């Protein structure tokens, strides 16, 4: 409605147009965009390096190195 008034050369603020639409019980219908959810995951970028140090992080008792 605001854009149509603007094209006709009638300059009103958007808030005034919203208030007038509310008084006349005119509602705005938006169409929801169907889009997939955002994901930036692209998979493994580089291969996992070899375990050259043969690191063993398992302990037999708690709090032991």
PDB file of N, CA and C in Angstrom:
ATOM      1  N   UNK A   1       0.832  -1.191   0.000  1.00  0.00           N
ATOM      2  CA  UNK A   1       0.000   0.000   0.000  1.00  0.00           C
ATOM      3  C   UNK A   1       0.877   1.257   0.000  1.00  0.00           C
ATOM      4  N   UNK A   2       1.921   1.238   0.813  1.00  0.00           N
ATOM      5  CA  UNK A   2       2.812   2.394   0.901  1.00  0.00           C
ATOM      6  C   UNK A   2       3.483   2.647  -0.443  1.00  0.00           C
ATOM      7  N   UNK A   3       3.910   1.574  -1.107  1.00  0.00           N
ATOM      8  CA  UNK A   3       4.557   1.730  -2.411  1.00  0.00           C
ATOM      9  C   UNK A   3       3.581   2.247  -3.459  1.00  0.00           C
ATOM     10  N   UNK A   4       2.335   1.778  -3.396  1.00  0.00           N
ATOM     11  CA  UNK A   4       1.331   2.243  -4.347  1.00  0.00           C
ATOM     12  C   UNK A   4       1.060   3.735  -4.144  1.00  0.00           C
ATOM     13  N   UNK A   5       0.973   4.168  -2.898  1.00  0.00           N
ATOM     14  CA  UNK A   5       0.781   5.595  -2.628  1.00  0.00           C
ATOM     15  C   UNK A   5       1.983   6.401  -3.092  1.00  0.00           C
ATOM     16  N   UNK A   6       3.156   5.854  -2.891  1.00  0.00           N
ATOM     17  CA  UNK A   6       4.380   6.534  -3.323  1.00  0.00           C
ATOM     18  C   UNK A   6       4.395   6.706  -4.836  1.00  0.00           C
ATOM     19  N   UNK A   7       3.980   5.661  -5.571  1.00  0.00           N
ATOM     20  CA  UNK A   7       3.943   5.745  -7.031  1.00  0.00           C
ATOM     21  C   UNK A   7       2.947   6.799  -7.496  1.00  0.00           C
ATOM     22  N   UNK A   8       1.866   6.989  -6.744  1.00  0.00           N
ATOM     23  CA  UNK A   8       0.849   7.985  -7.091  1.00  0.00           C
ATOM     24  C   UNK A   8       1.304   9.403  -6.747  1.00  0.00           C
ATOM     25  N   UNK A   9       2.405   9.501  -5.990  1.00  0.00           N
ATOM     26  CA  UNK A   9       2.922  10.813  -5.621  1.00  0.00           C
ATOM     27  C   UNK A   9       2.457  11.270  -4.255  1.00  0.00           C
ATOM     28  N   UNK A  10       1.760  10.406  -3.533  1.00  0.00           N
ATOM     29  CA  UNK A  10       1.309  10.735  -2.179  1.00  0.00           C
ATOM     30  C   UNK A  10       2.385  10.285  -1.203  1.00  0.00           C
ATOM     31  N   UNK A  11       2.969  11.249  -0.507  1.00  0.00           N
ATOM     32  CA  UNK A  11       4.071  10.949   0.395  1.00  0.00           C
ATOM     33  C   UNK A  11       3.550  10.848   1.826  1.00  0.00           C
ATOM     34  N   UNK A  12       3.590   9.644   2.368  1.00  0.00           N
ATOM     35  CA  UNK A  12       3.226   9.399   3.761  1.00  0.00           C
ATOM     36  C   UNK A  12       4.303   8.514   4.372  1.00  0.00           C
ATOM     37  N   UNK A  13       4.458   8.654   5.677  1.00  0.00           N
ATOM     38  CA  UNK A  13       5.439   7.790   6.322  1.00  0.00           C
ATOM     39  C   UNK A  13       4.867   6.384   6.438  1.00  0.00           C
ATOM     40  N   UNK A  14       5.752   5.446   6.559  1.00  0.00           N
ATOM     41  CA  UNK A  14       5.332   4.049   6.641  1.00  0.00           C
ATOM     42  C   UNK A  14       4.488   3.804   7.892  1.00  0.00           C
ATOM     43  N   UNK A  15       4.822   4.496   8.982  1.00  0.00           N
ATOM     44  CA  UNK A  15       4.066   4.335  10.224  1.00  0.00           C
ATOM     45  C   UNK A  15       2.629   4.815  10.069  1.00  0.00           C
ATOM     46  N   UNK A  16       2.430   5.905   9.338  1.00  0.00           N
ATOM     47  CA  UNK A  16       1.076   6.416   9.107  1.00  0.00           C
ATOM     48  C   UNK A  16       0.277   5.399   8.290  1.00  0.00           C
ATOM     49  N   UNK A  17       0.907   4.837   7.268  1.00  0.00           N
ATOM     50  CA  UNK A  17       0.236   3.844   6.432  1.00  0.00           C
ATOM     51  C   UNK A  17      -0.109   2.619   7.263  1.00  0.00           C
ATOM     52  N   UNK A  18       0.790   2.184   8.124  1.00  0.00           N
ATOM     53  CA  UNK A  18       0.510   1.031   8.988  1.00  0.00           C
ATOM     54  C   UNK A  18      -0.672   1.315   9.908  1.00  0.00           C
ATOM     55  N   UNK A  19      -0.720   2.528  10.467  1.00  0.00           N
ATOM     56  CA  UNK A  19      -1.812   2.900  11.364  1.00  0.00           C
ATOM     57  C   UNK A  19      -3.145   2.925  10.613  1.00  0.00           C
ATOM     58  N   UNK A  20      -3.151   3.484   9.400  1.00  0.00           N
ATOM     59  CA  UNK A  20      -4.366   3.518   8.588  1.00  0.00           C
ATOM     60  C   UNK A  20      -4.817   2.110   8.212  1.00  0.00           C
ATOM     61  N   UNK A  21      -3.857   1.254   7.888  1.00  0.00           N
ATOM     62  CA  UNK A  21      -4.205  -0.125   7.542  1.00  0.00           C
ATOM     63  C   UNK A  21      -4.795  -0.846   8.749  1.00  0.00           C
ATOM     64  N   UNK A  22      -4.265  -0.553   9.933  1.00  0.00           N
ATOM     65  CA  UNK A  22      -4.792  -1.180  11.142  1.00  0.00           C
ATOM     66  C   UNK A  22      -6.215  -0.697  11.429  1.00  0.00           C
ATOM     67  N   UNK A  23      -6.474   0.607  11.220  1.00  0.00           N
ATOM     68  CA  UNK A  23      -7.821   1.141  11.434  1.00  0.00           C
ATOM     69  C   UNK A  23      -8.833   0.530  10.465  1.00  0.00           C
ATOM     70  N   UNK A  24      -8.395   0.260   9.240  1.00  0.00           N
ATOM     71  CA  UNK A  24      -9.291  -0.306   8.224  1.00  0.00           C
ATOM     72  C   UNK A  24      -9.284  -1.832   8.232  1.00  0.00           C
ATOM     73  N   UNK A  25      -8.592  -2.421   9.175  1.00  0.00           N
ATOM     74  CA  UNK A  25      -8.479  -3.884   9.296  1.00  0.00           C
ATOM     75  C   UNK A  25      -7.927  -4.522   8.024  1.00  0.00           C
ATOM     76  N   UNK A  26      -6.942  -3.878   7.435  1.00  0.00           N
ATOM     77  CA  UNK A  26      -6.262  -4.424   6.259  1.00  0.00           C
ATOM     78  C   UNK A  26      -4.990  -5.098   6.754  1.00  0.00           C
ATOM     79  N   UNK A  27      -4.861  -6.374   6.460  1.00  0.00           N
ATOM     80  CA  UNK A  27      -3.681  -7.098   6.910  1.00  0.00           C
ATOM     81  C   UNK A  27      -2.752  -7.351   5.733  1.00  0.00           C
ATOM     82  N   UNK A  28      -1.517  -7.548   6.052  1.00  0.00           N
ATOM     83  CA  UNK A  28      -0.500  -7.800   5.047  1.00  0.00           C
ATOM     84  C   UNK A  28      -0.243  -9.301   5.006  1.00  0.00           C
ATOM     85  N   UNK A  29      -0.233  -9.872   3.824  1.00  0.00           N
ATOM     86  CA  UNK A  29       0.032 -11.293   3.664  1.00  0.00           C
ATOM     87  C   UNK A  29       1.402 -11.456   3.025  1.00  0.00           C
ATOM     88  N   UNK A  30       2.298 -12.091   3.762  1.00  0.00           N
ATOM     89  CA  UNK A  30       3.638 -12.356   3.268  1.00  0.00           C
ATOM     90  C   UNK A  30       3.704 -13.802   2.814  1.00  0.00           C
ATOM     91  N   UNK A  31       4.373 -14.025   1.724  1.00  0.00           N
ATOM     92  CA  UNK A  31       4.607 -15.402   1.313  1.00  0.00           C
ATOM     93  C   UNK A  31       5.939 -15.826   1.894  1.00  0.00           C
ATOM     94  N   UNK A  32       5.937 -16.957   2.569  1.00  0.00           N
ATOM     95  CA  UNK A  32       7.163 -17.442   3.190  1.00  0.00           C
ATOM     96  C   UNK A  32       8.061 -18.055   2.131  1.00  0.00           C
ATOM     97  N   UNK A  33       9.328 -17.703   2.186  1.00  0.00           N
ATOM     98  CA  UNK A  33      10.289 -18.271   1.259  1.00  0.00           C
ATOM     99  C   UNK A  33      10.619 -19.689   1.709  1.00  0.00           C
ATOM    100  N   UNK A  34      10.598 -20.594   0.775  1.00  0.00           N
ATOM    101  CA  UNK A  34      10.998 -21.960   1.081  1.00  0.00           C
ATOM    102  C   UNK A  34      12.467 -22.089   0.732  1.00  0.00           C
ATOM    103  N   UNK A  35      13.270 -22.105   1.753  1.00  0.00           N
ATOM    104  CA  UNK A  35      14.706 -22.224   1.513  1.00  0.00           C
ATOM    105  C   UNK A  35      15.272 -23.286   2.442  1.00  0.00           C
ATOM    106  N   UNK A  36      16.371 -23.844   2.033  1.00  0.00           N
ATOM    107  CA  UNK A  36      17.010 -24.847   2.867  1.00  0.00           C
ATOM    108  C   UNK A  36      17.737 -24.149   4.009  1.00  0.00           C
ATOM    109  N   UNK A  37      17.896 -24.810   5.135  1.00  0.00           N
ATOM    110  CA  UNK A  37      18.593 -24.185   6.255  1.00  0.00           C
ATOM    111  C   UNK A  37      20.057 -23.922   5.909  1.00  0.00           C
ATOM    112  N   UNK A  38      20.584 -22.857   6.471  1.00  0.00           N
ATOM    113  CA  UNK A  38      21.963 -22.462   6.185  1.00  0.00           C
ATOM    114  C   UNK A  38      22.942 -23.469   6.770  1.00  0.00           C
ATOM    115  N   UNK A  39      23.904 -23.851   6.002  1.00  0.00           N
ATOM    116  CA  UNK A  39      24.961 -24.732   6.467  1.00  0.00           C
ATOM    117  C   UNK A  39      26.252 -24.355   5.755  1.00  0.00           C
ATOM    118  N   UNK A  40      27.302 -24.140   6.534  1.00  0.00           N
ATOM    119  CA  UNK A  40      28.582 -23.806   5.923  1.00  0.00           C
ATOM    120  C   UNK A  40      29.524 -25.009   5.924  1.00  0.00           C
ATOM    121  N   UNK A  41      29.015 -26.183   6.289  1.00  0.00           N
ATOM    122  CA  UNK A  41      29.850 -27.384   6.312  1.00  0.00           C
ATOM    123  C   UNK A  41      30.109 -27.853   4.891  1.00  0.00           C
ATOM    124  N   UNK A  42      31.366 -27.995   4.530  1.00  0.00           N
ATOM    125  CA  UNK A  42      31.718 -28.443   3.186  1.00  0.00           C
ATOM    126  C   UNK A  42      32.458 -29.775   3.213  1.00  0.00           C
ATOM    127  N   UNK A  43      32.567 -30.387   4.382  1.00  0.00           N
ATOM    128  CA  UNK A  43      33.273 -31.669   4.477  1.00  0.00           C
ATOM    129  C   UNK A  43      34.732 -31.466   4.876  1.00  0.00           C
ATOM    130  N   UNK A  44      35.479 -32.548   4.823  1.00  0.00           N
ATOM    131  CA  UNK A  44      36.894 -32.481   5.171  1.00  0.00           C
ATOM    132  C   UNK A  44      37.645 -31.728   4.085  1.00  0.00           C
ATOM    133  N   UNK A  45      38.331 -30.666   4.470  1.00  0.00           N
ATOM    134  CA  UNK A  45      39.067 -29.854   3.509  1.00  0.00           C
ATOM    135  C   UNK A  45      40.438 -30.460   3.234  1.00  0.00           C
ATOM    136  N   UNK A  46      41.113 -30.898   4.307  1.00  0.00           N
ATOM    137  CA  UNK A  46      42.429 -31.497   4.149  1.00  0.00           C
ATOM    138  C   UNK A  46      42.405 -32.892   4.763  1.00  0.00           C
ATOM    139  N   UNK A  47      43.241 -33.801   4.279  1.00  0.00           N
ATOM    140  CA  UNK A  47      43.276 -35.137   4.881  1.00  0.00           C
ATOM    141  C   UNK A  47      43.879 -35.089   6.274  1.00  0.00           C
ATOM    142  N   UNK A  48      43.502 -36.047   7.114  1.00  0.00           N
ATOM    143  CA  UNK A  48      44.018 -36.126   8.478  1.00  0.00           C
ATOM    144  C   UNK A  48      45.482 -36.534   8.424  1.00  0.00           C
ATOM    145  N   UNK A  49      46.369 -35.822   9.147  1.00  0.00           N
ATOM    146  CA  UNK A  49      47.789 -36.191   9.109  1.00  0.00           C
ATOM    147  C   UNK A  49      48.040 -37.519   9.828  1.00  0.00           C
ATOM    148  N   UNK A  50      49.119 -38.173   9.459  1.00  0.00           N
ATOM    149  CA  UNK A  50      49.488 -39.442  10.080  1.00  0.00           C
ATOM    150  C   UNK A  50      49.909 -39.210  11.532  1.00  0.00           C
ATOM    151  N   UNK A  51      49.671 -40.214  12.387  1.00  0.00           N
ATOM    152  CA  UNK A  51      50.042 -40.139  13.798  1.00  0.00           C
ATOM    153  C   UNK A  51      51.491 -40.597  13.936  1.00  0.00           C
ATOM    154  N   UNK A  52      52.421 -39.658  13.722  1.00  0.00           N
ATOM    155  CA  UNK A  52      53.852 -39.993  13.716  1.00  0.00           C
ATOM    156  C   UNK A  52      54.394 -40.234  15.116  1.00  0.00           C
ATOM    157  N   UNK A  53      53.786 -39.650  16.157  1.00  0.00           N
ATOM    158  CA  UNK A  53      54.301 -39.783  17.521  1.00  0.00           C
ATOM    159  C   UNK A  53      53.755 -41.009  18.242  1.00  0.00           C
ATOM    160  N   UNK A  54      52.814 -41.731  17.644  1.00  0.00           N
ATOM    161  CA  UNK A  54      52.183 -42.904  18.257  1.00  0.00           C
ATOM    162  C   UNK A  54      51.639 -42.551  19.646  1.00  0.00           C
ATOM    163  N   UNK A  55      50.864 -41.468  19.695  1.00  0.00           N
ATOM    164  CA  UNK A  55      50.352 -40.966  20.965  1.00  0.00           C
ATOM    165  C   UNK A  55      49.276 -41.900  21.510  1.00  0.00           C
ATOM    166  N   UNK A  56      49.416 -42.232  22.800  1.00  0.00           N
ATOM    167  CA  UNK A  56      48.455 -43.075  23.482  1.00  0.00           C
ATOM    168  C   UNK A  56      47.901 -42.272  24.658  1.00  0.00           C
ATOM    169  N   UNK A  57      46.647 -41.894  24.597  1.00  0.00           N
ATOM    170  CA  UNK A  57      46.061 -41.048  25.625  1.00  0.00           C
ATOM    171  C   UNK A  57      45.177 -41.847  26.583  1.00  0.00           C
ATOM    172  N   UNK A  58      45.344 -43.131  26.649  1.00  0.00           N
ATOM    173  CA  UNK A  58      44.543 -43.957  27.546  1.00  0.00           C
ATOM    174  C   UNK A  58      45.341 -44.252  28.799  1.00  0.00           C
ATOM    175  N   UNK A  59      44.706 -44.130  29.964  1.00  0.00           N
ATOM    176  CA  UNK A  59      45.385 -44.402  31.220  1.00  0.00           C
ATOM    177  C   UNK A  59      44.687 -45.570  31.911  1.00  0.00           C
ATOM    178  N   UNK A  60      45.446 -46.262  32.777  1.00  0.00           N
ATOM    179  CA  UNK A  60      44.876 -47.401  33.490  1.00  0.00           C
ATOM    180  C   UNK A  60      44.132 -46.938  34.740  1.00  0.00           C
ATOM    181  N   UNK A  61      44.571 -45.833  35.352  1.00  0.00           N
ATOM    182  CA  UNK A  61      43.925 -45.283  36.548  1.00  0.00           C
ATOM    183  C   UNK A  61      43.609 -43.815  36.323  1.00  0.00           C
ATOM    184  N   UNK A  62      42.647 -43.276  37.068  1.00  0.00           N
ATOM    185  CA  UNK A  62      42.322 -41.844  36.921  1.00  0.00           C
ATOM    186  C   UNK A  62      43.495 -40.971  37.373  1.00  0.00           C
ATOM    187  N   UNK A  63      43.604 -39.788  36.798  1.00  0.00           N
ATOM    188  CA  UNK A  63      44.596 -38.765  37.142  1.00  0.00           C
ATOM    189  C   UNK A  63      46.033 -39.261  36.969  1.00  0.00           C
ATOM    190  N   UNK A  64      46.294 -40.082  35.998  1.00  0.00           N
ATOM    191  CA  UNK A  64      47.665 -40.512  35.676  1.00  0.00           C
ATOM    192  C   UNK A  64      48.026 -40.032  34.300  1.00  0.00           C
ATOM    193  N   UNK A  65      49.281 -39.749  34.116  1.00  0.00           N
ATOM    194  CA  UNK A  65      49.749 -39.291  32.817  1.00  0.00           C
ATOM    195  C   UNK A  65      50.073 -40.445  31.906  1.00  0.00           C
TER     196      UNK A  65
END
